[in-house]
């Protein structure tokens, strides 16, 4: 996805006209949910980004720094979105596991933790996979150690959510 704002939060608004058929076609693409576009603006930004790259390849005299800047901004924003998503996933997971532990349902807490751990394990090798695995181990180590014992006594931090308990380390590994 191509962000609507730069790394400083600035953006420009552009208006243009298009045919009803083109607007309907964009609407169909978005409603289909086969692509990562949430809005027509997402689709238009991505299409414009791709077309600018195409035009830069057609005309070698075009200044290249604009397109490079777009790439850099998109990558920084994507990285931040991944980090935010990871924090949200682990925060929600921590709350759910904490709920299961509080009501005494250790089996469900173990099942949920094992399911998430297995989903992380099948991710393609990447820095993000490593971060997910490291964060999982730090945050849920007590639960996973308790699972291996015959009569597990699970000692977990008071709150399992992001930024607390055993998970006070920085996620920017």
C-alpha atoms as a PDB file:
ATOM      1  CA  UNK A   1       0.000   0.000   0.000  1.00  0.00           C
ATOM      2  CA  UNK A   2       1.083   3.514  -0.706  1.00  0.00           C
ATOM      3  CA  UNK A   3       0.595   5.809   2.296  1.00  0.00           C
ATOM      4  CA  UNK A   4      -1.580   8.912   2.057  1.00  0.00           C
ATOM      5  CA  UNK A   5       0.907  10.928   4.117  1.00  0.00           C
ATOM      6  CA  UNK A   6       4.649  11.306   4.228  1.00  0.00           C
ATOM      7  CA  UNK A   7       6.728  10.518   7.309  1.00  0.00           C
ATOM      8  CA  UNK A   8       5.973  13.996   8.726  1.00  0.00           C
ATOM      9  CA  UNK A   9       2.212  13.547   8.346  1.00  0.00           C
ATOM     10  CA  UNK A  10       1.848  15.877   5.355  1.00  0.00           C
ATOM     11  CA  UNK A  11      -0.406  15.170   2.394  1.00  0.00           C
ATOM     12  CA  UNK A  12      -1.977  16.975  -0.556  1.00  0.00           C
ATOM     13  CA  UNK A  13      -5.520  16.571  -1.790  1.00  0.00           C
ATOM     14  CA  UNK A  14      -6.122  16.250  -5.521  1.00  0.00           C
ATOM     15  CA  UNK A  15      -9.494  16.292  -7.268  1.00  0.00           C
ATOM     16  CA  UNK A  16     -10.336  14.976 -10.711  1.00  0.00           C
ATOM     17  CA  UNK A  17     -13.286  13.722 -12.715  1.00  0.00           C
ATOM     18  CA  UNK A  18     -13.775  10.198 -14.010  1.00  0.00           C
ATOM     19  CA  UNK A  19     -16.519   8.299 -15.758  1.00  0.00           C
ATOM     20  CA  UNK A  20     -19.203   6.473 -13.747  1.00  0.00           C
ATOM     21  CA  UNK A  21     -18.016   3.197 -15.299  1.00  0.00           C
ATOM     22  CA  UNK A  22     -14.475   3.725 -13.984  1.00  0.00           C
ATOM     23  CA  UNK A  23     -15.778   4.620 -10.538  1.00  0.00           C
ATOM     24  CA  UNK A  24     -17.978   1.500 -10.548  1.00  0.00           C
ATOM     25  CA  UNK A  25     -15.015  -0.653 -11.616  1.00  0.00           C
ATOM     26  CA  UNK A  26     -12.963   0.671  -8.695  1.00  0.00           C
ATOM     27  CA  UNK A  27     -15.858   0.026  -6.340  1.00  0.00           C
ATOM     28  CA  UNK A  28     -16.119  -3.584  -7.547  1.00  0.00           C
ATOM     29  CA  UNK A  29     -12.380  -4.119  -6.954  1.00  0.00           C
ATOM     30  CA  UNK A  30     -12.619  -2.765  -3.409  1.00  0.00           C
ATOM     31  CA  UNK A  31     -15.817  -4.657  -2.504  1.00  0.00           C
ATOM     32  CA  UNK A  32     -14.327  -7.892  -3.856  1.00  0.00           C
ATOM     33  CA  UNK A  33     -11.747  -7.790  -1.025  1.00  0.00           C
ATOM     34  CA  UNK A  34      -9.287  -9.844  -3.087  1.00  0.00           C
ATOM     35  CA  UNK A  35      -6.854  -6.932  -2.965  1.00  0.00           C
ATOM     36  CA  UNK A  36      -5.515  -4.928  -0.010  1.00  0.00           C
ATOM     37  CA  UNK A  37      -7.389  -1.744  -0.967  1.00  0.00           C
ATOM     38  CA  UNK A  38      -9.764  -0.449   1.700  1.00  0.00           C
ATOM     39  CA  UNK A  39     -10.772   2.701  -0.180  1.00  0.00           C
ATOM     40  CA  UNK A  40     -10.769   4.064  -3.713  1.00  0.00           C
ATOM     41  CA  UNK A  41      -8.003   6.422  -2.568  1.00  0.00           C
ATOM     42  CA  UNK A  42      -5.811   3.400  -1.728  1.00  0.00           C
ATOM     43  CA  UNK A  43      -6.412   1.984  -5.203  1.00  0.00           C
ATOM     44  CA  UNK A  44      -5.770   5.292  -6.956  1.00  0.00           C
ATOM     45  CA  UNK A  45      -2.548   5.973  -4.993  1.00  0.00           C
ATOM     46  CA  UNK A  46      -1.218   2.521  -5.837  1.00  0.00           C
ATOM     47  CA  UNK A  47      -2.178   2.833  -9.519  1.00  0.00           C
ATOM     48  CA  UNK A  48      -0.542   6.262  -9.745  1.00  0.00           C
ATOM     49  CA  UNK A  49       2.596   5.011  -7.983  1.00  0.00           C
ATOM     50  CA  UNK A  50       2.908   2.094 -10.419  1.00  0.00           C
ATOM     51  CA  UNK A  51       2.247   4.306 -13.426  1.00  0.00           C
ATOM     52  CA  UNK A  52       4.841   6.864 -12.334  1.00  0.00           C
ATOM     53  CA  UNK A  53       7.389   4.043 -12.166  1.00  0.00           C
ATOM     54  CA  UNK A  54       6.374   2.963 -15.654  1.00  0.00           C
ATOM     55  CA  UNK A  55       6.768   6.513 -17.000  1.00  0.00           C
ATOM     56  CA  UNK A  56      10.186   6.869 -15.381  1.00  0.00           C
ATOM     57  CA  UNK A  57      11.325   3.734 -17.211  1.00  0.00           C
ATOM     58  CA  UNK A  58      10.005   5.053 -20.537  1.00  0.00           C
ATOM     59  CA  UNK A  59      11.811   8.384 -20.248  1.00  0.00           C
ATOM     60  CA  UNK A  60      15.381   8.043 -18.953  1.00  0.00           C
ATOM     61  CA  UNK A  61      15.791  11.817 -18.574  1.00  0.00           C
ATOM     62  CA  UNK A  62      13.082  12.011 -15.896  1.00  0.00           C
ATOM     63  CA  UNK A  63      14.471  12.887 -12.450  1.00  0.00           C
ATOM     64  CA  UNK A  64      14.740   9.674 -10.450  1.00  0.00           C
ATOM     65  CA  UNK A  65      14.841  11.165  -6.961  1.00  0.00           C
ATOM     66  CA  UNK A  66      11.068  11.662  -6.749  1.00  0.00           C
ATOM     67  CA  UNK A  67      10.314   8.012  -7.320  1.00  0.00           C
ATOM     68  CA  UNK A  68      13.087   6.977  -4.911  1.00  0.00           C
ATOM     69  CA  UNK A  69      11.625   9.255  -2.247  1.00  0.00           C
ATOM     70  CA  UNK A  70       8.214   7.649  -2.740  1.00  0.00           C
ATOM     71  CA  UNK A  71       9.780   4.208  -2.293  1.00  0.00           C
ATOM     72  CA  UNK A  72      11.549   5.278   0.886  1.00  0.00           C
ATOM     73  CA  UNK A  73       8.444   6.845   2.425  1.00  0.00           C
ATOM     74  CA  UNK A  74       6.321   3.808   1.551  1.00  0.00           C
ATOM     75  CA  UNK A  75       8.863   1.480   3.156  1.00  0.00           C
ATOM     76  CA  UNK A  76       9.083   3.498   6.377  1.00  0.00           C
ATOM     77  CA  UNK A  77       5.300   3.638   6.671  1.00  0.00           C
ATOM     78  CA  UNK A  78       4.984  -0.105   5.927  1.00  0.00           C
ATOM     79  CA  UNK A  79       7.540  -0.878   8.617  1.00  0.00           C
ATOM     80  CA  UNK A  80       5.626   1.237  11.121  1.00  0.00           C
ATOM     81  CA  UNK A  81       2.346  -0.471  10.153  1.00  0.00           C
ATOM     82  CA  UNK A  82       3.933  -3.895  10.710  1.00  0.00           C
ATOM     83  CA  UNK A  83       5.180  -2.805  14.131  1.00  0.00           C
ATOM     84  CA  UNK A  84       1.776  -1.428  15.099  1.00  0.00           C
ATOM     85  CA  UNK A  85       0.057  -4.579  13.864  1.00  0.00           C
ATOM     86  CA  UNK A  86       2.470  -6.762  15.836  1.00  0.00           C
ATOM     87  CA  UNK A  87       1.838  -4.781  19.019  1.00  0.00           C
ATOM     88  CA  UNK A  88      -1.911  -5.049  18.508  1.00  0.00           C
ATOM     89  CA  UNK A  89      -1.796  -8.808  17.887  1.00  0.00           C
ATOM     90  CA  UNK A  90       0.281  -9.473  20.981  1.00  0.00           C
ATOM     91  CA  UNK A  91      -1.810  -7.123  23.105  1.00  0.00           C
ATOM     92  CA  UNK A  92      -5.010  -8.926  22.079  1.00  0.00           C
ATOM     93  CA  UNK A  93      -3.419 -12.349  22.463  1.00  0.00           C
ATOM     94  CA  UNK A  94      -2.165 -11.438  25.932  1.00  0.00           C
ATOM     95  CA  UNK A  95      -5.639 -10.288  26.988  1.00  0.00           C
ATOM     96  CA  UNK A  96      -7.264 -13.488  25.696  1.00  0.00           C
ATOM     97  CA  UNK A  97      -4.725 -15.757  27.383  1.00  0.00           C
ATOM     98  CA  UNK A  98      -5.007 -13.758  30.585  1.00  0.00           C
ATOM     99  CA  UNK A  99      -8.799 -14.181  30.451  1.00  0.00           C
ATOM    100  CA  UNK A 100      -8.489 -17.958  30.043  1.00  0.00           C
ATOM    101  CA  UNK A 101      -6.009 -18.158  32.920  1.00  0.00           C
ATOM    102  CA  UNK A 102      -8.224 -16.009  35.158  1.00  0.00           C
ATOM    103  CA  UNK A 103     -11.203 -18.325  34.681  1.00  0.00           C
ATOM    104  CA  UNK A 104      -9.008 -21.377  35.219  1.00  0.00           C
ATOM    105  CA  UNK A 105      -9.122 -22.659  31.641  1.00  0.00           C
ATOM    106  CA  UNK A 106      -5.443 -23.544  31.247  1.00  0.00           C
ATOM    107  CA  UNK A 107      -6.177 -25.847  28.319  1.00  0.00           C
ATOM    108  CA  UNK A 108      -7.679 -23.031  26.260  1.00  0.00           C
ATOM    109  CA  UNK A 109      -4.798 -20.710  27.173  1.00  0.00           C
ATOM    110  CA  UNK A 110      -2.306 -23.370  26.035  1.00  0.00           C
ATOM    111  CA  UNK A 111      -4.303 -24.111  22.880  1.00  0.00           C
ATOM    112  CA  UNK A 112      -4.451 -20.454  21.868  1.00  0.00           C
ATOM    113  CA  UNK A 113      -0.761 -19.872  22.570  1.00  0.00           C
ATOM    114  CA  UNK A 114       0.228 -23.032  20.666  1.00  0.00           C
ATOM    115  CA  UNK A 115      -1.965 -22.058  17.708  1.00  0.00           C
ATOM    116  CA  UNK A 116      -0.391 -18.615  17.424  1.00  0.00           C
ATOM    117  CA  UNK A 117       3.095 -20.069  17.872  1.00  0.00           C
ATOM    118  CA  UNK A 118       2.458 -22.558  15.045  1.00  0.00           C
ATOM    119  CA  UNK A 119       1.178 -19.767  12.769  1.00  0.00           C
ATOM    120  CA  UNK A 120       4.324 -17.745  13.405  1.00  0.00           C
ATOM    121  CA  UNK A 121       6.492 -20.807  12.689  1.00  0.00           C
ATOM    122  CA  UNK A 122       5.147 -21.171   9.129  1.00  0.00           C
ATOM    123  CA  UNK A 123       5.817 -17.544   8.132  1.00  0.00           C
ATOM    124  CA  UNK A 124       8.415 -16.994   5.432  1.00  0.00           C
ATOM    125  CA  UNK A 125      11.882 -16.355   6.896  1.00  0.00           C
ATOM    126  CA  UNK A 126      12.258 -12.626   7.513  1.00  0.00           C
ATOM    127  CA  UNK A 127      13.211 -10.086  10.122  1.00  0.00           C
ATOM    128  CA  UNK A 128       9.523  -9.790  11.002  1.00  0.00           C
ATOM    129  CA  UNK A 129       9.221 -13.526  11.619  1.00  0.00           C
ATOM    130  CA  UNK A 130      12.221 -13.305  13.953  1.00  0.00           C
ATOM    131  CA  UNK A 131      10.632 -10.372  15.778  1.00  0.00           C
ATOM    132  CA  UNK A 132       7.323 -12.217  16.156  1.00  0.00           C
ATOM    133  CA  UNK A 133       9.086 -15.319  17.472  1.00  0.00           C
ATOM    134  CA  UNK A 134      11.263 -13.362  19.902  1.00  0.00           C
ATOM    135  CA  UNK A 135       8.316 -11.376  21.202  1.00  0.00           C
ATOM    136  CA  UNK A 136       6.245 -14.543  21.591  1.00  0.00           C
ATOM    137  CA  UNK A 137       8.991 -16.266  23.584  1.00  0.00           C
ATOM    138  CA  UNK A 138       9.543 -13.222  25.821  1.00  0.00           C
ATOM    139  CA  UNK A 139       5.868 -12.590  26.442  1.00  0.00           C
ATOM    140  CA  UNK A 140       4.605 -16.172  26.849  1.00  0.00           C
ATOM    141  CA  UNK A 141       7.679 -18.012  28.133  1.00  0.00           C
ATOM    142  CA  UNK A 142       6.001 -18.720  31.495  1.00  0.00           C
ATOM    143  CA  UNK A 143       2.975 -20.258  29.827  1.00  0.00           C
ATOM    144  CA  UNK A 144       5.008 -22.459  27.494  1.00  0.00           C
ATOM    145  CA  UNK A 145       7.336 -23.652  30.321  1.00  0.00           C
ATOM    146  CA  UNK A 146       4.323 -24.433  32.506  1.00  0.00           C
ATOM    147  CA  UNK A 147       2.842 -26.553  29.706  1.00  0.00           C
ATOM    148  CA  UNK A 148       5.787 -28.988  29.784  1.00  0.00           C
ATOM    149  CA  UNK A 149       5.494 -29.759  33.504  1.00  0.00           C
ATOM    150  CA  UNK A 150       3.282 -32.577  34.847  1.00  0.00           C
ATOM    151  CA  UNK A 151       1.459 -30.283  37.284  1.00  0.00           C
ATOM    152  CA  UNK A 152       2.029 -26.905  35.721  1.00  0.00           C
ATOM    153  CA  UNK A 153       2.019 -23.853  37.871  1.00  0.00           C
ATOM    154  CA  UNK A 154       1.888 -21.037  35.410  1.00  0.00           C
ATOM    155  CA  UNK A 155       3.630 -17.933  36.613  1.00  0.00           C
ATOM    156  CA  UNK A 156       2.798 -15.151  34.249  1.00  0.00           C
ATOM    157  CA  UNK A 157       3.325 -11.431  34.567  1.00  0.00           C
ATOM    158  CA  UNK A 158       0.415  -9.523  36.097  1.00  0.00           C
ATOM    159  CA  UNK A 159      -0.482  -8.222  32.650  1.00  0.00           C
ATOM    160  CA  UNK A 160       0.476 -10.021  29.481  1.00  0.00           C
ATOM    161  CA  UNK A 161      -0.201  -7.097  27.226  1.00  0.00           C
ATOM    162  CA  UNK A 162       2.429  -5.337  25.140  1.00  0.00           C
ATOM    163  CA  UNK A 163       4.858  -3.218  27.077  1.00  0.00           C
ATOM    164  CA  UNK A 164       4.406  -4.918  30.433  1.00  0.00           C
ATOM    165  CA  UNK A 165       5.577  -7.901  32.428  1.00  0.00           C
ATOM    166  CA  UNK A 166       8.378  -9.945  30.852  1.00  0.00           C
ATOM    167  CA  UNK A 167       7.932  -8.038  27.643  1.00  0.00           C
ATOM    168  CA  UNK A 168       9.540  -4.740  28.605  1.00  0.00           C
ATOM    169  CA  UNK A 169      12.275  -5.067  25.986  1.00  0.00           C
ATOM    170  CA  UNK A 170      12.270  -2.887  22.904  1.00  0.00           C
ATOM    171  CA  UNK A 171      10.733  -4.532  19.820  1.00  0.00           C
ATOM    172  CA  UNK A 172      13.037  -2.733  17.431  1.00  0.00           C
ATOM    173  CA  UNK A 173      15.527  -5.622  17.317  1.00  0.00           C
END
